[in-house]
């Protein structure tokens, strides 16, 4: 829940846009969680990938080509 409060604080501080203030936190809430991404790659039988945390409350999933 810290992430949700953080994005609300950041959008309130740095944006005057109604759209950013409302859609930013919603987008973060709906984003994939690390555990969900790991389950997806496991279900797809993908063994060569990297998963890392990125700025703006996002996970980056890179599939490695063999």
C-alpha atoms as a PDB file:
ATOM      1  CA  UNK A   1       0.000   0.000   0.000  1.00  0.00           C
ATOM      2  CA  UNK A   2       3.029   2.264   0.382  1.00  0.00           C
ATOM      3  CA  UNK A   3       3.343   2.387  -3.402  1.00  0.00           C
ATOM      4  CA  UNK A   4      -0.224   3.624  -3.781  1.00  0.00           C
ATOM      5  CA  UNK A   5       0.336   6.405  -1.237  1.00  0.00           C
ATOM      6  CA  UNK A   6       3.656   7.304  -2.856  1.00  0.00           C
ATOM      7  CA  UNK A   7       2.185   7.728  -6.332  1.00  0.00           C
ATOM      8  CA  UNK A   8      -0.669   9.833  -4.949  1.00  0.00           C
ATOM      9  CA  UNK A   9       1.859  12.079  -3.190  1.00  0.00           C
ATOM     10  CA  UNK A  10       4.064  12.363  -6.283  1.00  0.00           C
ATOM     11  CA  UNK A  11       1.199  13.172  -8.646  1.00  0.00           C
ATOM     12  CA  UNK A  12      -0.224  15.744  -6.224  1.00  0.00           C
ATOM     13  CA  UNK A  13       3.184  17.369  -5.858  1.00  0.00           C
ATOM     14  CA  UNK A  14       4.282  17.404  -9.507  1.00  0.00           C
ATOM     15  CA  UNK A  15       1.107  17.616 -11.566  1.00  0.00           C
ATOM     16  CA  UNK A  16      -1.888  19.863 -11.811  1.00  0.00           C
ATOM     17  CA  UNK A  17      -3.583  17.557 -14.286  1.00  0.00           C
ATOM     18  CA  UNK A  18      -6.783  15.921 -13.105  1.00  0.00           C
ATOM     19  CA  UNK A  19      -6.072  13.009 -15.459  1.00  0.00           C
ATOM     20  CA  UNK A  20      -2.603  12.336 -14.028  1.00  0.00           C
ATOM     21  CA  UNK A  21      -3.788  12.629 -10.425  1.00  0.00           C
ATOM     22  CA  UNK A  22      -6.582  10.107 -10.974  1.00  0.00           C
ATOM     23  CA  UNK A  23      -5.203   7.725 -13.594  1.00  0.00           C
ATOM     24  CA  UNK A  24      -1.659   7.532 -12.193  1.00  0.00           C
ATOM     25  CA  UNK A  25      -2.606   5.756  -8.950  1.00  0.00           C
ATOM     26  CA  UNK A  26      -5.095   3.550 -10.811  1.00  0.00           C
ATOM     27  CA  UNK A  27      -2.431   2.490 -13.289  1.00  0.00           C
ATOM     28  CA  UNK A  28      -0.013   1.617 -10.479  1.00  0.00           C
ATOM     29  CA  UNK A  29      -2.692  -0.416  -8.653  1.00  0.00           C
ATOM     30  CA  UNK A  30      -3.475  -2.387 -11.818  1.00  0.00           C
ATOM     31  CA  UNK A  31       0.148  -3.070 -12.750  1.00  0.00           C
ATOM     32  CA  UNK A  32       1.523  -6.600 -12.527  1.00  0.00           C
ATOM     33  CA  UNK A  33       3.131  -7.596  -9.257  1.00  0.00           C
ATOM     34  CA  UNK A  34       6.475  -9.408  -9.199  1.00  0.00           C
ATOM     35  CA  UNK A  35       4.867 -12.684  -8.123  1.00  0.00           C
ATOM     36  CA  UNK A  36       2.295 -12.448 -10.932  1.00  0.00           C
ATOM     37  CA  UNK A  37       4.993 -11.940 -13.564  1.00  0.00           C
ATOM     38  CA  UNK A  38       6.990 -14.884 -12.221  1.00  0.00           C
ATOM     39  CA  UNK A  39       3.900 -17.111 -12.414  1.00  0.00           C
ATOM     40  CA  UNK A  40       3.268 -16.007 -16.004  1.00  0.00           C
ATOM     41  CA  UNK A  41       6.765 -16.865 -17.199  1.00  0.00           C
ATOM     42  CA  UNK A  42       6.668 -20.193 -15.355  1.00  0.00           C
ATOM     43  CA  UNK A  43       3.308 -21.094 -16.930  1.00  0.00           C
ATOM     44  CA  UNK A  44       4.742 -20.203 -20.343  1.00  0.00           C
ATOM     45  CA  UNK A  45       7.768 -22.451 -19.624  1.00  0.00           C
ATOM     46  CA  UNK A  46      10.167 -19.535 -20.100  1.00  0.00           C
ATOM     47  CA  UNK A  47      13.411 -20.145 -18.264  1.00  0.00           C
ATOM     48  CA  UNK A  48      15.638 -17.390 -19.592  1.00  0.00           C
ATOM     49  CA  UNK A  49      14.444 -13.985 -18.421  1.00  0.00           C
ATOM     50  CA  UNK A  50      15.279 -11.112 -16.125  1.00  0.00           C
ATOM     51  CA  UNK A  51      12.936  -9.192 -13.891  1.00  0.00           C
ATOM     52  CA  UNK A  52      13.893  -5.910 -12.297  1.00  0.00           C
ATOM     53  CA  UNK A  53      12.272  -2.986 -10.519  1.00  0.00           C
ATOM     54  CA  UNK A  54      12.082   0.237 -12.489  1.00  0.00           C
ATOM     55  CA  UNK A  55      11.291   3.800 -11.572  1.00  0.00           C
ATOM     56  CA  UNK A  56       7.656   4.844 -11.491  1.00  0.00           C
ATOM     57  CA  UNK A  57       6.511   1.753  -9.615  1.00  0.00           C
ATOM     58  CA  UNK A  58       6.950  -0.745 -12.447  1.00  0.00           C
ATOM     59  CA  UNK A  59       8.546  -4.123 -13.049  1.00  0.00           C
ATOM     60  CA  UNK A  60      10.516  -4.700 -16.226  1.00  0.00           C
ATOM     61  CA  UNK A  61      10.386  -8.227 -17.622  1.00  0.00           C
ATOM     62  CA  UNK A  62      12.945  -9.022 -20.310  1.00  0.00           C
ATOM     63  CA  UNK A  63      12.803 -12.330 -22.135  1.00  0.00           C
ATOM     64  CA  UNK A  64      16.207 -13.486 -23.229  1.00  0.00           C
ATOM     65  CA  UNK A  65      16.637 -14.874 -26.715  1.00  0.00           C
ATOM     66  CA  UNK A  66      18.461 -18.184 -26.917  1.00  0.00           C
END
